Amino acid sequence: MRTLFVLCLRSLAAAALVVITFPLQQGQPASAEGEDYRLVRVIGALADDRLASPLGVAVDAQGNVYVTQDGGNRRIQVFDSQGNFLRKWGSGGSADGQFSSPSGVAVDFQGKVYVADNGNSRIQVFDSQGNFLRKWGSGGSADGQFEGPVAVAMDAQGNVHVADLSNHRIQVFDSQGVFLRKWGSRGPADGQFSLTSDIAVDAQGNVYVADSLNNRVQVFEPNFPVLKSPQAGAPLTSLATTLSWSRPPGTTQYHLQVTPANNDGPGINIIIADPALVSAASFSVQAPAFGKGPYLMLPGMSYSWRIRVTSSTSSIDENSILWGAWSESRKFRAPPPSSTTISAVSPANGITVTSTGPLPLQWSNTATDIFYYEVQVSGDPTFNMDPATGTSFVWQNLVHGGVTNPPNSFLTPELPPNTTIYWRVRPRVQGDGVPVDWSATWSFMTP
């Protein structure tokens, strides 16, 4: 397989080219004495796609080439892998989609394009067609501010690493622009910088920084846990999952948090100190087992999780100053439930009961990991709850079916005599989930 190399000419020339080369195959002549690569194409040589001071270049998963330009153009140009012009966007200015000295550029695994808009002290994000999505940053030295954001790089988790040139530091953000961490200050010592001019991240999360005026490249490895699975935003196939992460050297304990959307429901907040679990760098979240628990995961909603570590050999609580920085926060979504697996148990549909109650209503569900329900009971088969138009009572309750007696049941209030009563059930969806349809409607007659 041929390896693609792209040379970006960071010059002040009025017009410039991007040159693409491939390594020579055995037996191929070099184009000049001592060269190990042969020129295969030049991008930006034609009048309709000419480049003016290209400052940054990135290649997406389809091989398309994205080039930032300063010169008089201040725009992004896109070419296919053969160098054919595809599209362009941008102009000089500070409005959304405009640029002032656009320099670094990166493309994530979803095809989103991140541009270091140097002169405007911000990062702008676009889809692959150049449509503006979002931005973050302003001039300054506080977290999330920049003094010369000249280069961007993506890690395997989709986080954005920014070389903050004149602040002599690196800042890291999630893909939405939420600040995660930073490091560096001005100086010649290890971990210090004098103009951070470029940056790259490898598949293991190691960060390579061009430390310009110190005439060196510094390499950093993560000293915090890097989340591995589930992937960010991944939909789960069941109400069980295994969370996994990297283990920084010297780790003796983890602090894990799993939080439901809007804090609406149970979560996890534990310290993991068992040596076997620490070595595994993973935690299995068990699906609810009806009648047994753990009653943790609710269907159809998202959860955020993060983790931090310590090298302390003593037991510490979550408030200890010995904990390191939190990892990024990542989301996953539990699978949605269905009401089609729910059936009435008692009373049997259509019968006349022997009492006006209180009466236990019971249902079953073949999905044994569902335990939280909404129940409606009414004298109206449409369950109309509008005070202006409703014609009958409607009782609506939340029921934890795993702890009721009998299981999956609801005890009605006293019911009116000689009345047809209608009832239905559905799994409860909380947080940012979408409510599901109700079950079939069942009925019975009071004496």
Protein backbone atom coordinates (compact mmCIF):
# COMPACT_ATOMS: atom_id res chain seq x y z
CA MET A 1 0.00 0.00 0.00
CA ARG A 2 1.33 3.45 -0.87
CA THR A 3 1.70 5.98 1.90
CA LEU A 4 0.42 9.50 1.25
CA PHE A 5 2.62 12.42 2.19
CA VAL A 6 1.50 16.04 1.85
CA LEU A 7 3.91 18.94 1.95
CA CYS A 8 2.32 22.22 3.02
CA LEU A 9 4.35 25.23 1.94
CA ARG A 10 3.95 27.78 4.74
CA SER A 11 5.22 30.77 2.77
CA LEU A 12 4.35 34.38 2.10
CA ALA A 13 4.41 33.94 -1.67
CA ALA A 14 1.51 35.37 -3.63
CA ALA A 15 0.64 31.91 -4.91
CA ALA A 16 1.76 28.47 -3.79
CA LEU A 17 1.25 24.81 -4.51
CA VAL A 18 0.53 21.68 -2.51
CA VAL A 19 2.78 18.86 -3.65
CA ILE A 20 1.80 15.22 -3.19
CA THR A 21 4.41 12.48 -3.37
CA PHE A 22 4.49 8.72 -2.89
CA PRO A 23 7.43 6.56 -1.78
CA LEU A 24 9.40 4.98 -4.61
CA GLN A 25 8.77 1.32 -5.37
CA GLN A 26 11.74 -0.98 -5.77
CA GLY A 27 13.43 -0.36 -9.12
CA GLN A 28 11.78 2.97 -9.85
CA PRO A 29 14.17 5.77 -10.80
CA ALA A 30 14.32 8.79 -8.53
CA SER A 31 13.53 12.14 -10.11
CA ALA A 32 16.80 13.61 -8.85
CA GLU A 33 19.94 12.27 -7.24
CA GLY A 34 19.35 11.20 -3.64
CA GLU A 35 15.55 11.46 -3.72
CA ASP A 36 13.51 8.59 -2.30
CA TYR A 37 10.12 9.85 -3.47
CA ARG A 38 8.73 10.68 -6.86
CA LEU A 39 6.36 13.50 -7.65
CA VAL A 40 2.94 12.21 -8.72
CA ARG A 41 0.81 15.35 -8.81
CA VAL A 42 0.63 19.02 -7.91
CA ILE A 43 -2.51 20.59 -6.43
CA GLY A 44 -3.26 24.24 -7.00
CA ALA A 45 -1.46 24.77 -10.30
CA LEU A 46 -4.51 25.59 -12.40
CA ALA A 47 -6.00 29.05 -12.66
CA ASP A 48 -9.41 28.05 -11.29
CA ASP A 49 -8.04 26.31 -8.20
CA ARG A 50 -4.82 28.23 -7.57
CA LEU A 51 -3.77 28.40 -3.93
CA ALA A 52 -2.52 31.52 -2.19
CA SER A 53 -0.23 30.85 0.79
CA PRO A 54 -1.60 27.45 1.85
CA LEU A 55 -1.01 27.07 5.58
CA GLY A 56 -2.68 23.81 6.53
CA VAL A 57 -3.74 20.56 4.90
CA ALA A 58 -5.78 17.55 6.01
CA VAL A 59 -7.05 14.40 4.30
CA ASP A 60 -10.41 12.78 5.09
CA ALA A 61 -11.32 9.09 5.05
CA GLN A 62 -12.26 9.27 1.35
CA GLY A 63 -8.90 10.77 0.42
CA ASN A 64 -10.23 14.29 -0.18
CA VAL A 65 -7.72 17.04 0.55
CA TYR A 66 -8.67 20.14 2.58
CA VAL A 67 -6.37 23.17 2.32
CA THR A 68 -6.46 26.39 4.35
CA GLN A 69 -5.24 29.56 2.69
CA ASP A 70 -4.23 32.95 3.93
CA GLY A 71 -2.83 35.21 1.22
CA GLY A 72 -5.73 37.21 -0.16
CA ASN A 73 -8.20 34.33 -0.18
CA ARG A 74 -8.75 33.35 3.46
CA ARG A 75 -10.75 30.28 2.62
CA ILE A 76 -10.87 26.47 2.54
CA GLN A 77 -10.45 24.62 -0.75
CA VAL A 78 -11.22 20.94 -1.20
CA PHE A 79 -9.75 18.58 -3.81
CA ASP A 80 -10.29 14.90 -4.48
CA SER A 81 -7.45 12.41 -4.13
CA GLN A 82 -6.43 13.05 -7.74
CA GLY A 83 -6.17 16.79 -7.17
CA ASN A 84 -9.41 17.74 -8.90
CA PHE A 85 -11.06 20.82 -7.42
CA LEU A 86 -14.32 20.02 -5.58
CA ARG A 87 -15.45 23.05 -3.60
CA LYS A 88 -14.40 26.04 -1.54
CA TRP A 89 -15.83 28.22 1.20
CA GLY A 90 -14.91 31.23 3.29
CA SER A 91 -13.79 34.85 2.90
CA GLY A 92 -12.02 37.44 5.01
CA GLY A 93 -13.91 38.62 8.07
CA SER A 94 -15.11 37.64 11.54
CA ALA A 95 -18.66 36.41 10.84
CA ASP A 96 -19.53 32.72 11.03
CA GLY A 97 -17.83 30.99 8.09
CA GLN A 98 -15.37 33.83 7.54
CA PHE A 99 -11.68 33.68 8.41
CA SER A 100 -8.69 35.75 9.40
CA SER A 101 -5.48 33.79 8.71
CA PRO A 102 -6.96 30.28 8.73
CA SER A 103 -4.04 27.98 9.50
CA GLY A 104 -4.45 24.44 10.85
CA VAL A 105 -7.19 22.11 9.67
CA ALA A 106 -8.31 18.61 10.72
CA VAL A 107 -11.11 16.25 9.68
CA ASP A 108 -12.74 13.85 12.16
CA PHE A 109 -14.04 10.34 11.49
CA GLN A 110 -17.52 11.74 10.76
CA GLY A 111 -16.19 14.10 8.10
CA LYS A 112 -16.54 17.28 10.14
CA VAL A 113 -13.89 19.89 9.38
CA TYR A 114 -12.16 21.81 12.20
CA VAL A 115 -10.35 25.01 11.22
CA ALA A 116 -7.94 27.01 13.37
CA ASP A 117 -9.13 30.54 12.58
CA ASN A 118 -5.92 32.10 13.86
CA GLY A 119 -6.61 35.82 13.44
CA ASN A 120 -10.09 35.50 14.97
CA SER A 121 -8.77 33.48 17.95
CA ARG A 122 -11.28 30.70 17.50
CA ILE A 123 -11.98 27.22 16.16
CA GLN A 124 -14.70 26.89 13.53
CA VAL A 125 -16.40 23.60 12.63
CA PHE A 126 -18.05 22.78 9.30
CA ASP A 127 -19.58 19.75 7.63
CA SER A 128 -17.77 18.32 4.62
CA GLN A 129 -19.73 20.62 2.29
CA GLY A 130 -18.62 23.74 4.12
CA ASN A 131 -21.82 24.43 6.05
CA PHE A 132 -21.07 26.20 9.34
CA LEU A 133 -21.85 24.09 12.43
CA ARG A 134 -20.34 25.80 15.48
CA LYS A 135 -17.42 27.75 16.86
CA TRP A 136 -15.63 28.39 20.12
CA GLY A 137 -12.88 30.62 21.47
CA SER A 138 -11.95 34.27 21.80
CA GLY A 139 -8.78 36.25 22.41
CA GLY A 140 -7.18 35.78 25.82
CA SER A 141 -5.43 33.35 28.12
CA ALA A 142 -8.31 31.85 30.11
CA ASP A 143 -9.47 28.29 29.51
CA GLY A 144 -11.02 28.13 26.05
CA GLN A 145 -9.40 31.37 24.92
CA PHE A 146 -6.55 31.62 22.42
CA GLU A 147 -3.65 33.80 21.39
CA GLY A 148 -2.90 32.33 18.00
CA PRO A 149 -4.62 28.96 17.53
CA VAL A 150 -2.41 27.79 14.64
CA ALA A 151 -2.88 24.01 14.52
CA VAL A 152 -5.51 21.40 15.35
CA ALA A 153 -5.38 17.61 15.66
CA MET A 154 -7.99 14.98 16.45
CA ASP A 155 -7.51 11.98 18.73
CA ALA A 156 -9.21 8.61 18.38
CA GLN A 157 -12.02 9.72 20.72
CA GLY A 158 -12.84 12.76 18.57
CA ASN A 159 -11.31 15.29 20.96
CA VAL A 160 -9.76 18.43 19.47
CA HIS A 161 -6.17 19.34 20.41
CA VAL A 162 -5.23 22.96 19.69
CA ALA A 163 -1.73 24.43 19.55
CA ASP A 164 -2.24 27.81 21.26
CA LEU A 165 0.84 29.55 19.81
CA SER A 166 1.43 32.70 21.85
CA ASN A 167 -0.04 31.25 25.05
CA HIS A 168 2.69 28.60 24.74
CA ARG A 169 0.33 25.76 25.59
CA ILE A 170 -1.92 22.98 24.33
CA GLN A 171 -5.66 23.01 24.95
CA VAL A 172 -7.99 20.04 24.51
CA PHE A 173 -11.74 20.18 23.85
CA ASP A 174 -14.44 17.67 23.06
CA SER A 175 -16.00 17.78 19.60
CA GLN A 176 -18.63 20.28 20.82
CA GLY A 177 -15.99 22.70 22.06
CA VAL A 178 -16.28 21.89 25.77
CA PHE A 179 -12.93 22.54 27.47
CA LEU A 180 -11.31 19.38 28.85
CA ARG A 181 -7.72 20.15 29.84
CA LYS A 182 -4.57 22.13 29.08
CA TRP A 183 -0.86 21.99 29.71
CA GLY A 184 2.25 24.06 29.09
CA SER A 185 3.69 27.46 29.87
CA ARG A 186 6.47 29.58 28.41
CA GLY A 187 10.01 28.37 28.97
CA PRO A 188 12.72 25.87 27.94
CA ALA A 189 12.08 23.19 30.56
CA ASP A 190 10.50 19.85 29.77
CA GLY A 191 6.78 20.42 29.29
CA GLN A 192 7.26 24.11 28.62
CA PHE A 193 7.08 25.72 25.20
CA SER A 194 8.21 28.71 23.22
CA LEU A 195 5.58 29.07 20.50
CA THR A 196 3.58 25.88 19.98
CA SER A 197 3.47 25.89 16.19
CA ASP A 198 2.07 22.48 15.26
CA ILE A 199 0.56 19.35 16.81
CA ALA A 200 -0.27 15.73 15.97
CA VAL A 201 -1.88 12.85 17.89
CA ASP A 202 -1.18 9.17 17.18
CA ALA A 203 -3.51 6.20 17.54
CA GLN A 204 -2.39 5.57 21.13
CA GLY A 205 -3.22 9.14 22.17
CA ASN A 206 0.39 10.33 22.33
CA VAL A 207 0.65 14.04 21.51
CA TYR A 208 3.51 15.47 19.42
CA VAL A 209 4.12 19.21 19.72
CA ALA A 210 6.38 21.35 17.53
CA ASP A 211 8.09 23.59 20.11
CA SER A 212 9.24 26.17 17.62
CA LEU A 213 11.69 28.56 19.32
CA ASN A 214 13.05 25.79 21.56
CA ASN A 215 14.01 23.95 18.36
CA ARG A 216 12.50 20.63 19.36
CA VAL A 217 9.49 18.35 19.23
CA GLN A 218 8.06 17.25 22.58
CA VAL A 219 6.05 14.05 22.96
CA PHE A 220 3.47 13.52 25.71
CA GLU A 221 1.55 10.41 26.71
CA PRO A 222 -1.83 10.57 28.46
CA ASN A 223 -1.49 10.64 32.24
CA PHE A 224 -5.24 10.28 32.62
CA PRO A 225 -7.56 7.45 31.59
CA VAL A 226 -8.62 7.48 27.95
CA LEU A 227 -12.12 6.10 27.44
CA LYS A 228 -12.28 3.17 25.02
CA SER A 229 -15.76 1.70 24.87
CA PRO A 230 -18.61 2.18 24.30
CA GLN A 231 -17.81 4.61 21.53
CA ALA A 232 -19.08 8.16 21.98
CA GLY A 233 -22.82 8.31 21.31
CA ALA A 234 -23.03 4.58 20.68
CA PRO A 235 -26.49 3.00 20.99
CA LEU A 236 -26.40 -0.11 23.17
CA THR A 237 -28.10 -3.33 22.13
CA SER A 238 -29.11 -4.26 25.68
CA LEU A 239 -29.40 -2.74 29.13
CA ALA A 240 -25.95 -4.11 29.96
CA THR A 241 -22.59 -2.81 28.85
CA THR A 242 -18.91 -2.97 29.73
CA LEU A 243 -17.14 0.33 30.21
CA SER A 244 -13.42 0.20 29.41
CA TRP A 245 -10.58 2.69 29.49
CA SER A 246 -6.80 2.92 29.46
CA ARG A 247 -4.83 2.50 32.67
CA PRO A 248 -2.17 5.19 33.25
CA PRO A 249 1.09 3.88 34.77
CA GLY A 250 0.99 3.61 38.56
CA THR A 251 -2.80 3.58 38.85
CA THR A 252 -4.03 1.95 42.07
CA GLN A 253 -7.67 3.08 42.22
CA TYR A 254 -10.39 4.43 39.93
CA HIS A 255 -13.31 6.75 40.61
CA LEU A 256 -16.13 6.00 38.16
CA GLN A 257 -19.27 8.05 37.60
CA VAL A 258 -22.20 7.14 35.34
CA THR A 259 -24.91 9.80 35.25
CA PRO A 260 -28.34 9.56 33.55
CA ALA A 261 -29.49 12.40 31.31
CA ASN A 262 -30.88 15.31 33.36
CA ASN A 263 -29.95 13.29 36.48
CA ASP A 264 -33.33 11.61 35.95
CA GLY A 265 -32.85 8.14 37.37
CA PRO A 266 -30.28 5.98 39.14
CA GLY A 267 -26.57 6.27 38.39
CA ILE A 268 -23.17 4.96 39.47
CA ASN A 269 -20.64 6.71 41.70
CA ILE A 270 -18.07 4.20 42.94
CA ILE A 271 -14.40 3.86 43.81
CA ILE A 272 -12.74 0.77 42.32
CA ALA A 273 -9.78 -0.45 44.37
CA ASP A 274 -9.83 -4.21 43.83
CA PRO A 275 -6.47 -5.03 42.17
CA ALA A 276 -8.03 -7.36 39.61
CA LEU A 277 -10.55 -4.73 38.53
CA VAL A 278 -7.88 -2.03 38.50
CA SER A 279 -5.73 -4.20 36.26
CA ALA A 280 -8.66 -4.91 33.93
CA ALA A 281 -9.44 -1.19 33.52
CA SER A 282 -13.09 -2.00 32.91
CA PHE A 283 -16.42 -2.19 34.70
CA SER A 284 -19.44 -4.29 33.76
CA VAL A 285 -22.81 -2.64 34.15
CA GLN A 286 -25.30 -5.45 34.60
CA ALA A 287 -28.75 -5.42 33.06
CA PRO A 288 -31.67 -5.40 35.50
CA ALA A 289 -32.91 -8.91 36.31
CA PHE A 290 -36.59 -8.75 37.14
CA GLY A 291 -37.24 -9.36 40.82
CA LYS A 292 -33.51 -9.34 41.59
CA GLY A 293 -31.94 -6.10 40.34
CA PRO A 294 -29.69 -4.25 40.03
CA TYR A 295 -32.34 -1.73 39.05
CA LEU A 296 -29.93 0.67 37.40
CA MET A 297 -30.22 1.06 33.65
CA LEU A 298 -33.39 2.59 32.27
CA PRO A 299 -34.28 2.12 28.59
CA GLY A 300 -34.30 4.72 25.83
CA MET A 301 -32.20 7.40 27.53
CA SER A 302 -28.58 8.51 27.41
CA TYR A 303 -25.96 8.21 30.12
CA SER A 304 -22.71 10.13 30.55
CA TRP A 305 -19.66 8.52 32.10
CA ARG A 306 -16.20 9.55 33.15
CA ILE A 307 -13.35 8.24 35.29
CA ARG A 308 -10.30 9.48 37.17
CA VAL A 309 -7.38 7.71 38.82
CA THR A 310 -4.99 7.91 41.72
CA SER A 311 -1.68 6.27 42.54
CA SER A 312 -2.35 6.43 46.28
CA THR A 313 -1.73 3.14 48.08
CA SER A 314 -4.14 4.12 50.84
CA SER A 315 -7.91 4.04 50.64
CA ILE A 316 -9.25 7.51 49.78
CA ASP A 317 -12.75 8.93 49.35
CA GLU A 318 -14.09 10.89 46.39
CA ASN A 319 -13.25 14.23 48.03
CA SER A 320 -9.53 13.51 48.30
CA ILE A 321 -7.08 15.87 46.61
CA LEU A 322 -5.06 12.83 45.52
CA TRP A 323 -7.35 12.14 42.56
CA GLY A 324 -6.07 13.11 39.14
CA ALA A 325 -7.99 14.98 36.47
CA TRP A 326 -11.23 13.57 35.14
CA SER A 327 -11.23 11.93 31.76
CA GLU A 328 -13.45 13.31 29.07
CA SER A 329 -17.15 12.76 29.60
CA ARG A 330 -18.69 10.40 27.05
CA LYS A 331 -22.30 9.42 26.33
CA PHE A 332 -23.98 6.19 25.37
CA ARG A 333 -27.69 5.48 24.87
CA ALA A 334 -29.68 2.59 26.27
CA PRO A 335 -31.92 0.78 23.76
CA PRO A 336 -35.56 1.90 23.57
CA PRO A 337 -38.24 -0.35 25.09
CA SER A 338 -41.42 -1.63 23.47
CA SER A 339 -44.95 -2.10 24.75
CA THR A 340 -45.66 -4.98 22.39
CA THR A 341 -44.09 -7.43 24.87
CA ILE A 342 -46.61 -6.53 27.63
CA SER A 343 -49.73 -8.61 28.33
CA ALA A 344 -52.56 -8.33 30.88
CA VAL A 345 -52.57 -10.98 33.63
CA SER A 346 -55.49 -9.94 35.81
CA PRO A 347 -58.26 -9.16 35.70
CA ALA A 348 -58.86 -11.02 32.47
CA ASN A 349 -59.86 -8.74 29.64
CA GLY A 350 -63.61 -8.14 29.37
CA ILE A 351 -64.74 -9.85 32.59
CA THR A 352 -66.96 -8.46 35.36
CA VAL A 353 -65.02 -8.31 38.63
CA THR A 354 -66.58 -9.12 42.01
CA SER A 355 -65.62 -5.93 43.83
CA THR A 356 -65.27 -2.22 43.24
CA GLY A 357 -61.83 -2.39 44.80
CA PRO A 358 -59.31 -1.32 45.56
CA LEU A 359 -58.41 -3.79 42.82
CA PRO A 360 -54.94 -5.10 41.84
CA LEU A 361 -54.14 -4.82 38.13
CA GLN A 362 -51.28 -7.08 37.02
CA TRP A 363 -49.37 -7.45 33.76
CA SER A 364 -46.43 -9.46 32.46
CA ASN A 365 -43.56 -8.53 30.17
CA THR A 366 -41.39 -10.96 28.22
CA ALA A 367 -38.64 -8.29 28.34
CA THR A 368 -37.37 -9.16 31.81
CA ASP A 369 -34.94 -6.24 32.03
CA ILE A 370 -37.78 -3.68 32.10
CA PHE A 371 -38.99 -2.77 35.58
CA TYR A 372 -40.32 0.80 35.56
CA TYR A 373 -43.77 1.52 34.13
CA GLU A 374 -46.49 4.10 33.63
CA VAL A 375 -50.06 2.92 34.27
CA GLN A 376 -53.31 4.63 33.26
CA VAL A 377 -56.78 3.70 34.55
CA SER A 378 -59.94 5.46 33.36
CA GLY A 379 -63.65 5.22 32.66
CA ASP A 380 -62.84 6.73 29.24
CA PRO A 381 -61.34 4.45 26.56
CA THR A 382 -59.46 7.46 25.10
CA PHE A 383 -57.90 8.40 28.49
CA ASN A 384 -58.62 12.07 27.80
CA MET A 385 -56.84 14.12 30.50
CA ASP A 386 -57.88 17.56 29.23
CA PRO A 387 -59.92 19.23 32.03
CA ALA A 388 -61.94 21.15 29.44
CA THR A 389 -63.04 18.13 27.39
CA GLY A 390 -62.50 15.08 29.60
CA THR A 391 -65.59 13.02 30.47
CA SER A 392 -64.21 10.66 33.11
CA PHE A 393 -61.50 10.22 35.70
CA VAL A 394 -57.97 9.25 34.57
CA TRP A 395 -55.50 7.91 37.12
CA GLN A 396 -51.85 7.84 36.00
CA ASN A 397 -49.13 6.37 38.17
CA LEU A 398 -45.46 5.36 38.03
CA VAL A 399 -44.84 1.78 39.14
CA HIS A 400 -41.60 -0.04 39.96
CA GLY A 401 -42.74 -3.47 38.88
CA GLY A 402 -39.77 -5.22 40.45
CA VAL A 403 -40.81 -4.35 44.00
CA THR A 404 -44.62 -4.41 43.89
CA ASN A 405 -46.54 -7.33 45.36
CA PRO A 406 -47.49 -9.09 43.22
CA PRO A 407 -44.77 -8.11 40.70
CA ASN A 408 -45.76 -5.73 37.89
CA SER A 409 -48.96 -4.58 39.53
CA PHE A 410 -50.90 -1.49 40.52
CA LEU A 411 -53.60 -1.24 43.20
CA THR A 412 -56.44 0.97 42.02
CA PRO A 413 -58.40 3.32 44.26
CA GLU A 414 -62.06 2.54 44.94
CA LEU A 415 -63.80 2.23 41.57
CA PRO A 416 -67.28 3.47 40.62
CA PRO A 417 -69.93 0.71 40.48
CA ASN A 418 -71.47 -0.66 37.31
CA THR A 419 -68.79 0.99 35.15
CA THR A 420 -66.51 -0.20 32.39
CA ILE A 421 -62.94 0.46 33.45
CA TYR A 422 -60.12 0.74 30.91
CA TRP A 423 -56.42 0.38 31.67
CA ARG A 424 -53.08 0.25 29.85
CA VAL A 425 -49.36 0.16 30.60
CA ARG A 426 -46.07 1.24 28.98
CA PRO A 427 -42.39 1.16 29.98
CA ARG A 428 -41.29 4.41 31.54
CA VAL A 429 -38.71 6.39 29.51
CA GLN A 430 -36.95 9.18 31.38
CA GLY A 431 -34.25 11.81 30.86
CA ASP A 432 -33.76 12.70 27.22
CA GLY A 433 -35.60 9.61 25.95
CA VAL A 434 -38.72 9.57 23.81
CA PRO A 435 -41.90 8.04 25.35
CA VAL A 436 -43.04 4.85 23.66
CA ASP A 437 -46.56 3.85 22.63
CA TRP A 438 -48.94 2.45 25.18
CA SER A 439 -49.79 -1.22 25.35
CA ALA A 440 -53.12 -2.53 24.15
CA THR A 441 -56.07 -1.22 26.18
CA TRP A 442 -57.76 -3.78 28.44
CA SER A 443 -61.10 -3.44 30.20
CA PHE A 444 -63.30 -4.94 32.89
CA MET A 445 -66.72 -4.20 34.39
CA THR A 446 -67.35 -3.35 38.03
CA PRO A 447 -70.41 -4.86 39.79
